N, C-alpha and C. Protein backbone atom coordinates (compact mmCIF):
# COMPACT_ATOMS: atom_id res chain seq x y z
N MET A 1 -19.43 0.76 6.51
CA MET A 1 -19.09 2.17 6.39
C MET A 1 -18.90 2.52 4.92
N SER A 2 -19.22 3.74 4.57
CA SER A 2 -19.01 4.19 3.20
C SER A 2 -17.54 4.55 2.99
N TRP A 3 -17.16 4.72 1.75
CA TRP A 3 -15.77 5.04 1.46
C TRP A 3 -15.38 6.39 2.04
N LEU A 4 -16.30 7.32 2.10
CA LEU A 4 -16.00 8.63 2.67
C LEU A 4 -15.72 8.52 4.17
N SER A 5 -16.47 7.65 4.85
CA SER A 5 -16.21 7.42 6.28
C SER A 5 -14.84 6.81 6.48
N TRP A 6 -14.45 5.87 5.61
CA TRP A 6 -13.12 5.27 5.71
C TRP A 6 -12.02 6.33 5.54
N VAL A 7 -12.23 7.26 4.62
CA VAL A 7 -11.23 8.32 4.40
C VAL A 7 -11.13 9.23 5.63
N VAL A 8 -12.27 9.62 6.18
CA VAL A 8 -12.27 10.51 7.36
C VAL A 8 -11.65 9.79 8.56
N VAL A 9 -12.07 8.55 8.81
CA VAL A 9 -11.50 7.79 9.92
C VAL A 9 -10.01 7.57 9.68
N GLY A 10 -9.63 7.28 8.45
CA GLY A 10 -8.22 7.08 8.12
C GLY A 10 -7.39 8.32 8.35
N LEU A 11 -7.92 9.47 7.97
CA LEU A 11 -7.19 10.72 8.17
C LEU A 11 -6.99 11.02 9.66
N ILE A 12 -8.06 10.90 10.43
CA ILE A 12 -7.96 11.18 11.86
C ILE A 12 -7.05 10.18 12.56
N ALA A 13 -7.25 8.89 12.28
CA ALA A 13 -6.43 7.85 12.91
C ALA A 13 -4.97 7.98 12.49
N GLY A 14 -4.72 8.28 11.23
CA GLY A 14 -3.35 8.46 10.75
C GLY A 14 -2.66 9.64 11.42
N MET A 15 -3.39 10.75 11.59
CA MET A 15 -2.81 11.93 12.24
C MET A 15 -2.46 11.63 13.70
N VAL A 16 -3.37 10.97 14.40
CA VAL A 16 -3.11 10.64 15.81
C VAL A 16 -1.95 9.66 15.91
N ALA A 17 -1.93 8.64 15.06
CA ALA A 17 -0.86 7.64 15.10
C ALA A 17 0.49 8.26 14.77
N LYS A 18 0.53 9.18 13.81
CA LYS A 18 1.78 9.86 13.50
C LYS A 18 2.24 10.72 14.66
N GLY A 19 1.31 11.33 15.37
CA GLY A 19 1.66 12.13 16.54
C GLY A 19 2.20 11.27 17.67
N VAL A 20 1.61 10.10 17.87
CA VAL A 20 2.05 9.20 18.93
C VAL A 20 3.43 8.63 18.64
N THR A 21 3.66 8.24 17.39
CA THR A 21 4.92 7.58 17.04
C THR A 21 6.03 8.55 16.62
N GLY A 22 5.67 9.78 16.32
CA GLY A 22 6.68 10.76 15.91
C GLY A 22 7.09 10.66 14.46
N VAL A 23 6.33 9.97 13.65
CA VAL A 23 6.63 9.83 12.22
C VAL A 23 6.33 11.14 11.52
N ARG A 24 7.22 11.57 10.66
CA ARG A 24 7.04 12.82 9.91
C ARG A 24 7.20 12.56 8.42
N GLY A 25 6.61 13.42 7.63
CA GLY A 25 6.85 13.43 6.19
C GLY A 25 6.00 12.48 5.36
N ALA A 26 4.90 11.98 5.87
CA ALA A 26 4.07 11.06 5.07
C ALA A 26 3.13 11.82 4.15
N GLY A 27 2.84 13.08 4.41
CA GLY A 27 1.91 13.84 3.59
C GLY A 27 0.47 13.48 3.90
N CYS A 28 -0.45 14.20 3.28
CA CYS A 28 -1.87 14.00 3.56
C CYS A 28 -2.36 12.65 3.04
N LEU A 29 -2.02 12.31 1.81
CA LEU A 29 -2.44 11.04 1.24
C LEU A 29 -1.82 9.87 2.01
N GLY A 30 -0.55 9.99 2.37
CA GLY A 30 0.11 8.95 3.15
C GLY A 30 -0.54 8.77 4.51
N THR A 31 -0.94 9.88 5.12
CA THR A 31 -1.61 9.83 6.42
C THR A 31 -2.94 9.09 6.32
N VAL A 32 -3.70 9.38 5.27
CA VAL A 32 -4.98 8.69 5.07
C VAL A 32 -4.74 7.20 4.83
N LEU A 33 -3.75 6.86 4.01
CA LEU A 33 -3.46 5.45 3.73
C LEU A 33 -2.99 4.71 4.98
N ILE A 34 -2.18 5.38 5.80
CA ILE A 34 -1.74 4.78 7.07
C ILE A 34 -2.95 4.51 7.95
N GLY A 35 -3.86 5.47 8.04
CA GLY A 35 -5.05 5.30 8.85
C GLY A 35 -5.98 4.21 8.35
N ILE A 36 -6.15 4.13 7.03
CA ILE A 36 -7.01 3.08 6.47
C ILE A 36 -6.38 1.71 6.69
N ALA A 37 -5.09 1.58 6.43
CA ALA A 37 -4.41 0.31 6.68
C ALA A 37 -4.46 -0.03 8.17
N GLY A 38 -4.33 0.98 9.01
CA GLY A 38 -4.45 0.76 10.45
C GLY A 38 -5.84 0.32 10.84
N GLY A 39 -6.85 0.84 10.17
CA GLY A 39 -8.22 0.41 10.42
C GLY A 39 -8.44 -1.05 10.06
N LEU A 40 -7.86 -1.46 8.94
CA LEU A 40 -7.96 -2.87 8.55
C LEU A 40 -7.22 -3.77 9.53
N LEU A 41 -5.99 -3.38 9.87
CA LEU A 41 -5.20 -4.16 10.84
C LEU A 41 -5.87 -4.18 12.20
N GLY A 42 -6.31 -3.04 12.67
CA GLY A 42 -6.99 -2.96 13.96
C GLY A 42 -8.27 -3.78 13.99
N GLY A 43 -9.03 -3.74 12.90
CA GLY A 43 -10.25 -4.53 12.81
C GLY A 43 -9.98 -6.02 12.89
N ILE A 44 -8.93 -6.46 12.21
CA ILE A 44 -8.55 -7.87 12.26
C ILE A 44 -8.12 -8.26 13.66
N LEU A 45 -7.28 -7.44 14.28
CA LEU A 45 -6.77 -7.75 15.62
C LEU A 45 -7.88 -7.72 16.67
N PHE A 46 -8.73 -6.71 16.62
CA PHE A 46 -9.82 -6.62 17.59
C PHE A 46 -10.82 -7.76 17.40
N SER A 47 -11.10 -8.15 16.16
CA SER A 47 -12.01 -9.27 15.91
C SER A 47 -11.41 -10.58 16.40
N ALA A 48 -10.10 -10.75 16.19
CA ALA A 48 -9.43 -11.97 16.66
C ALA A 48 -9.42 -12.05 18.19
N ALA A 49 -9.41 -10.91 18.85
CA ALA A 49 -9.42 -10.87 20.31
C ALA A 49 -10.83 -10.99 20.88
N GLY A 50 -11.84 -11.08 20.01
CA GLY A 50 -13.21 -11.26 20.47
C GLY A 50 -14.03 -9.99 20.50
N GLY A 51 -13.43 -8.87 20.13
CA GLY A 51 -14.16 -7.60 20.10
C GLY A 51 -14.78 -7.37 18.74
N ALA A 52 -15.38 -6.22 18.60
CA ALA A 52 -15.99 -5.85 17.32
C ALA A 52 -14.96 -5.10 16.48
N GLY A 53 -15.06 -5.26 15.19
CA GLY A 53 -14.20 -4.51 14.28
C GLY A 53 -14.78 -3.13 14.04
N MET A 54 -14.53 -2.59 12.88
CA MET A 54 -15.05 -1.28 12.52
C MET A 54 -16.37 -1.47 11.78
N ASN A 55 -17.48 -1.09 12.41
CA ASN A 55 -18.78 -1.27 11.80
C ASN A 55 -19.40 0.04 11.34
N GLU A 56 -19.16 1.11 12.05
CA GLU A 56 -19.79 2.38 11.74
C GLU A 56 -18.84 3.51 12.14
N PHE A 57 -19.18 4.71 11.74
CA PHE A 57 -18.38 5.87 12.11
C PHE A 57 -18.67 6.21 13.56
N SER A 58 -17.71 5.92 14.43
CA SER A 58 -17.89 6.15 15.86
C SER A 58 -16.53 6.33 16.52
N VAL A 59 -16.56 6.69 17.79
CA VAL A 59 -15.32 6.84 18.55
C VAL A 59 -14.62 5.49 18.65
N TYR A 60 -15.38 4.41 18.79
CA TYR A 60 -14.80 3.07 18.86
C TYR A 60 -14.04 2.75 17.57
N SER A 61 -14.61 3.08 16.41
CA SER A 61 -13.94 2.84 15.14
C SER A 61 -12.65 3.65 15.04
N LEU A 62 -12.69 4.89 15.53
CA LEU A 62 -11.47 5.70 15.55
C LEU A 62 -10.41 5.07 16.44
N LEU A 63 -10.81 4.53 17.58
CA LEU A 63 -9.88 3.86 18.49
C LEU A 63 -9.27 2.64 17.82
N VAL A 64 -10.08 1.83 17.18
CA VAL A 64 -9.59 0.62 16.50
C VAL A 64 -8.60 1.00 15.41
N ALA A 65 -8.96 1.98 14.59
CA ALA A 65 -8.09 2.40 13.49
C ALA A 65 -6.81 3.02 14.01
N THR A 66 -6.89 3.81 15.07
CA THR A 66 -5.69 4.44 15.62
C THR A 66 -4.75 3.40 16.21
N MET A 67 -5.29 2.44 16.95
CA MET A 67 -4.44 1.39 17.51
C MET A 67 -3.76 0.58 16.40
N GLY A 68 -4.50 0.26 15.36
CA GLY A 68 -3.91 -0.46 14.23
C GLY A 68 -2.84 0.36 13.53
N ALA A 69 -3.08 1.66 13.36
CA ALA A 69 -2.09 2.52 12.70
C ALA A 69 -0.83 2.69 13.54
N VAL A 70 -0.99 2.78 14.86
CA VAL A 70 0.18 2.89 15.75
C VAL A 70 1.01 1.61 15.65
N ILE A 71 0.36 0.46 15.69
CA ILE A 71 1.08 -0.81 15.56
C ILE A 71 1.78 -0.88 14.21
N LEU A 72 1.10 -0.46 13.17
CA LEU A 72 1.68 -0.46 11.83
C LEU A 72 2.91 0.44 11.74
N LEU A 73 2.83 1.64 12.31
CA LEU A 73 3.97 2.56 12.25
C LEU A 73 5.14 2.09 13.10
N PHE A 74 4.86 1.52 14.27
CA PHE A 74 5.95 0.96 15.08
C PHE A 74 6.62 -0.19 14.35
N ALA A 75 5.82 -1.05 13.71
CA ALA A 75 6.39 -2.17 12.94
C ALA A 75 7.22 -1.64 11.77
N TRP A 76 6.73 -0.60 11.11
CA TRP A 76 7.48 -0.01 9.99
C TRP A 76 8.82 0.55 10.47
N ARG A 77 8.82 1.18 11.63
CA ARG A 77 10.05 1.74 12.18
C ARG A 77 11.06 0.63 12.48
N VAL A 78 10.59 -0.49 13.02
CA VAL A 78 11.48 -1.61 13.32
C VAL A 78 12.04 -2.22 12.04
N VAL A 79 11.19 -2.41 11.05
CA VAL A 79 11.61 -3.05 9.82
C VAL A 79 12.55 -2.15 9.01
N SER A 80 12.21 -0.86 8.93
CA SER A 80 13.00 0.04 8.09
C SER A 80 14.21 0.60 8.82
N ASN A 81 14.25 0.50 10.13
CA ASN A 81 15.39 0.98 10.93
C ASN A 81 15.71 2.43 10.59
N THR A 82 14.71 3.31 10.67
CA THR A 82 14.88 4.70 10.27
C THR A 82 15.71 5.52 11.24
N ARG A 83 16.01 4.98 12.38
CA ARG A 83 16.80 5.75 13.35
C ARG A 83 18.28 5.76 13.01
N GLY A 84 18.71 4.92 12.09
CA GLY A 84 20.12 4.86 11.73
C GLY A 84 20.83 3.81 12.55
N PRO A 85 22.14 3.70 12.36
CA PRO A 85 22.89 2.69 13.08
C PRO A 85 22.94 2.97 14.58
N SER A 86 22.95 1.90 15.38
CA SER A 86 22.94 2.08 16.82
C SER A 86 24.33 2.33 17.37
N CYS A 87 25.36 1.89 16.67
CA CYS A 87 26.74 2.08 17.12
C CYS A 87 27.45 3.00 16.14
N ARG A 88 28.12 3.97 16.68
CA ARG A 88 28.87 4.89 15.82
C ARG A 88 30.34 4.69 16.07
N GLY A 89 31.06 4.58 15.04
CA GLY A 89 32.47 4.26 15.24
C GLY A 89 33.38 4.95 14.38
């Protein structure tokens, strides 16, 4: 895929992943970066599971990138603990 395809897939995947996870405030550039990182993560995970990674601009590539971005954002939420303390006292 060309770099422009990566940006478009990253933007779409990042927007969908942010909508699914409820993450706010990443901005346009952050959304694209989340989607691109999700595409890389999703490609690695799908390839390890025996599927195809991201080869071309397609609905399948958007699915791979979105799944990777959702996993990335959920992991970020767990690591950063953005919800605050669980016990209030």
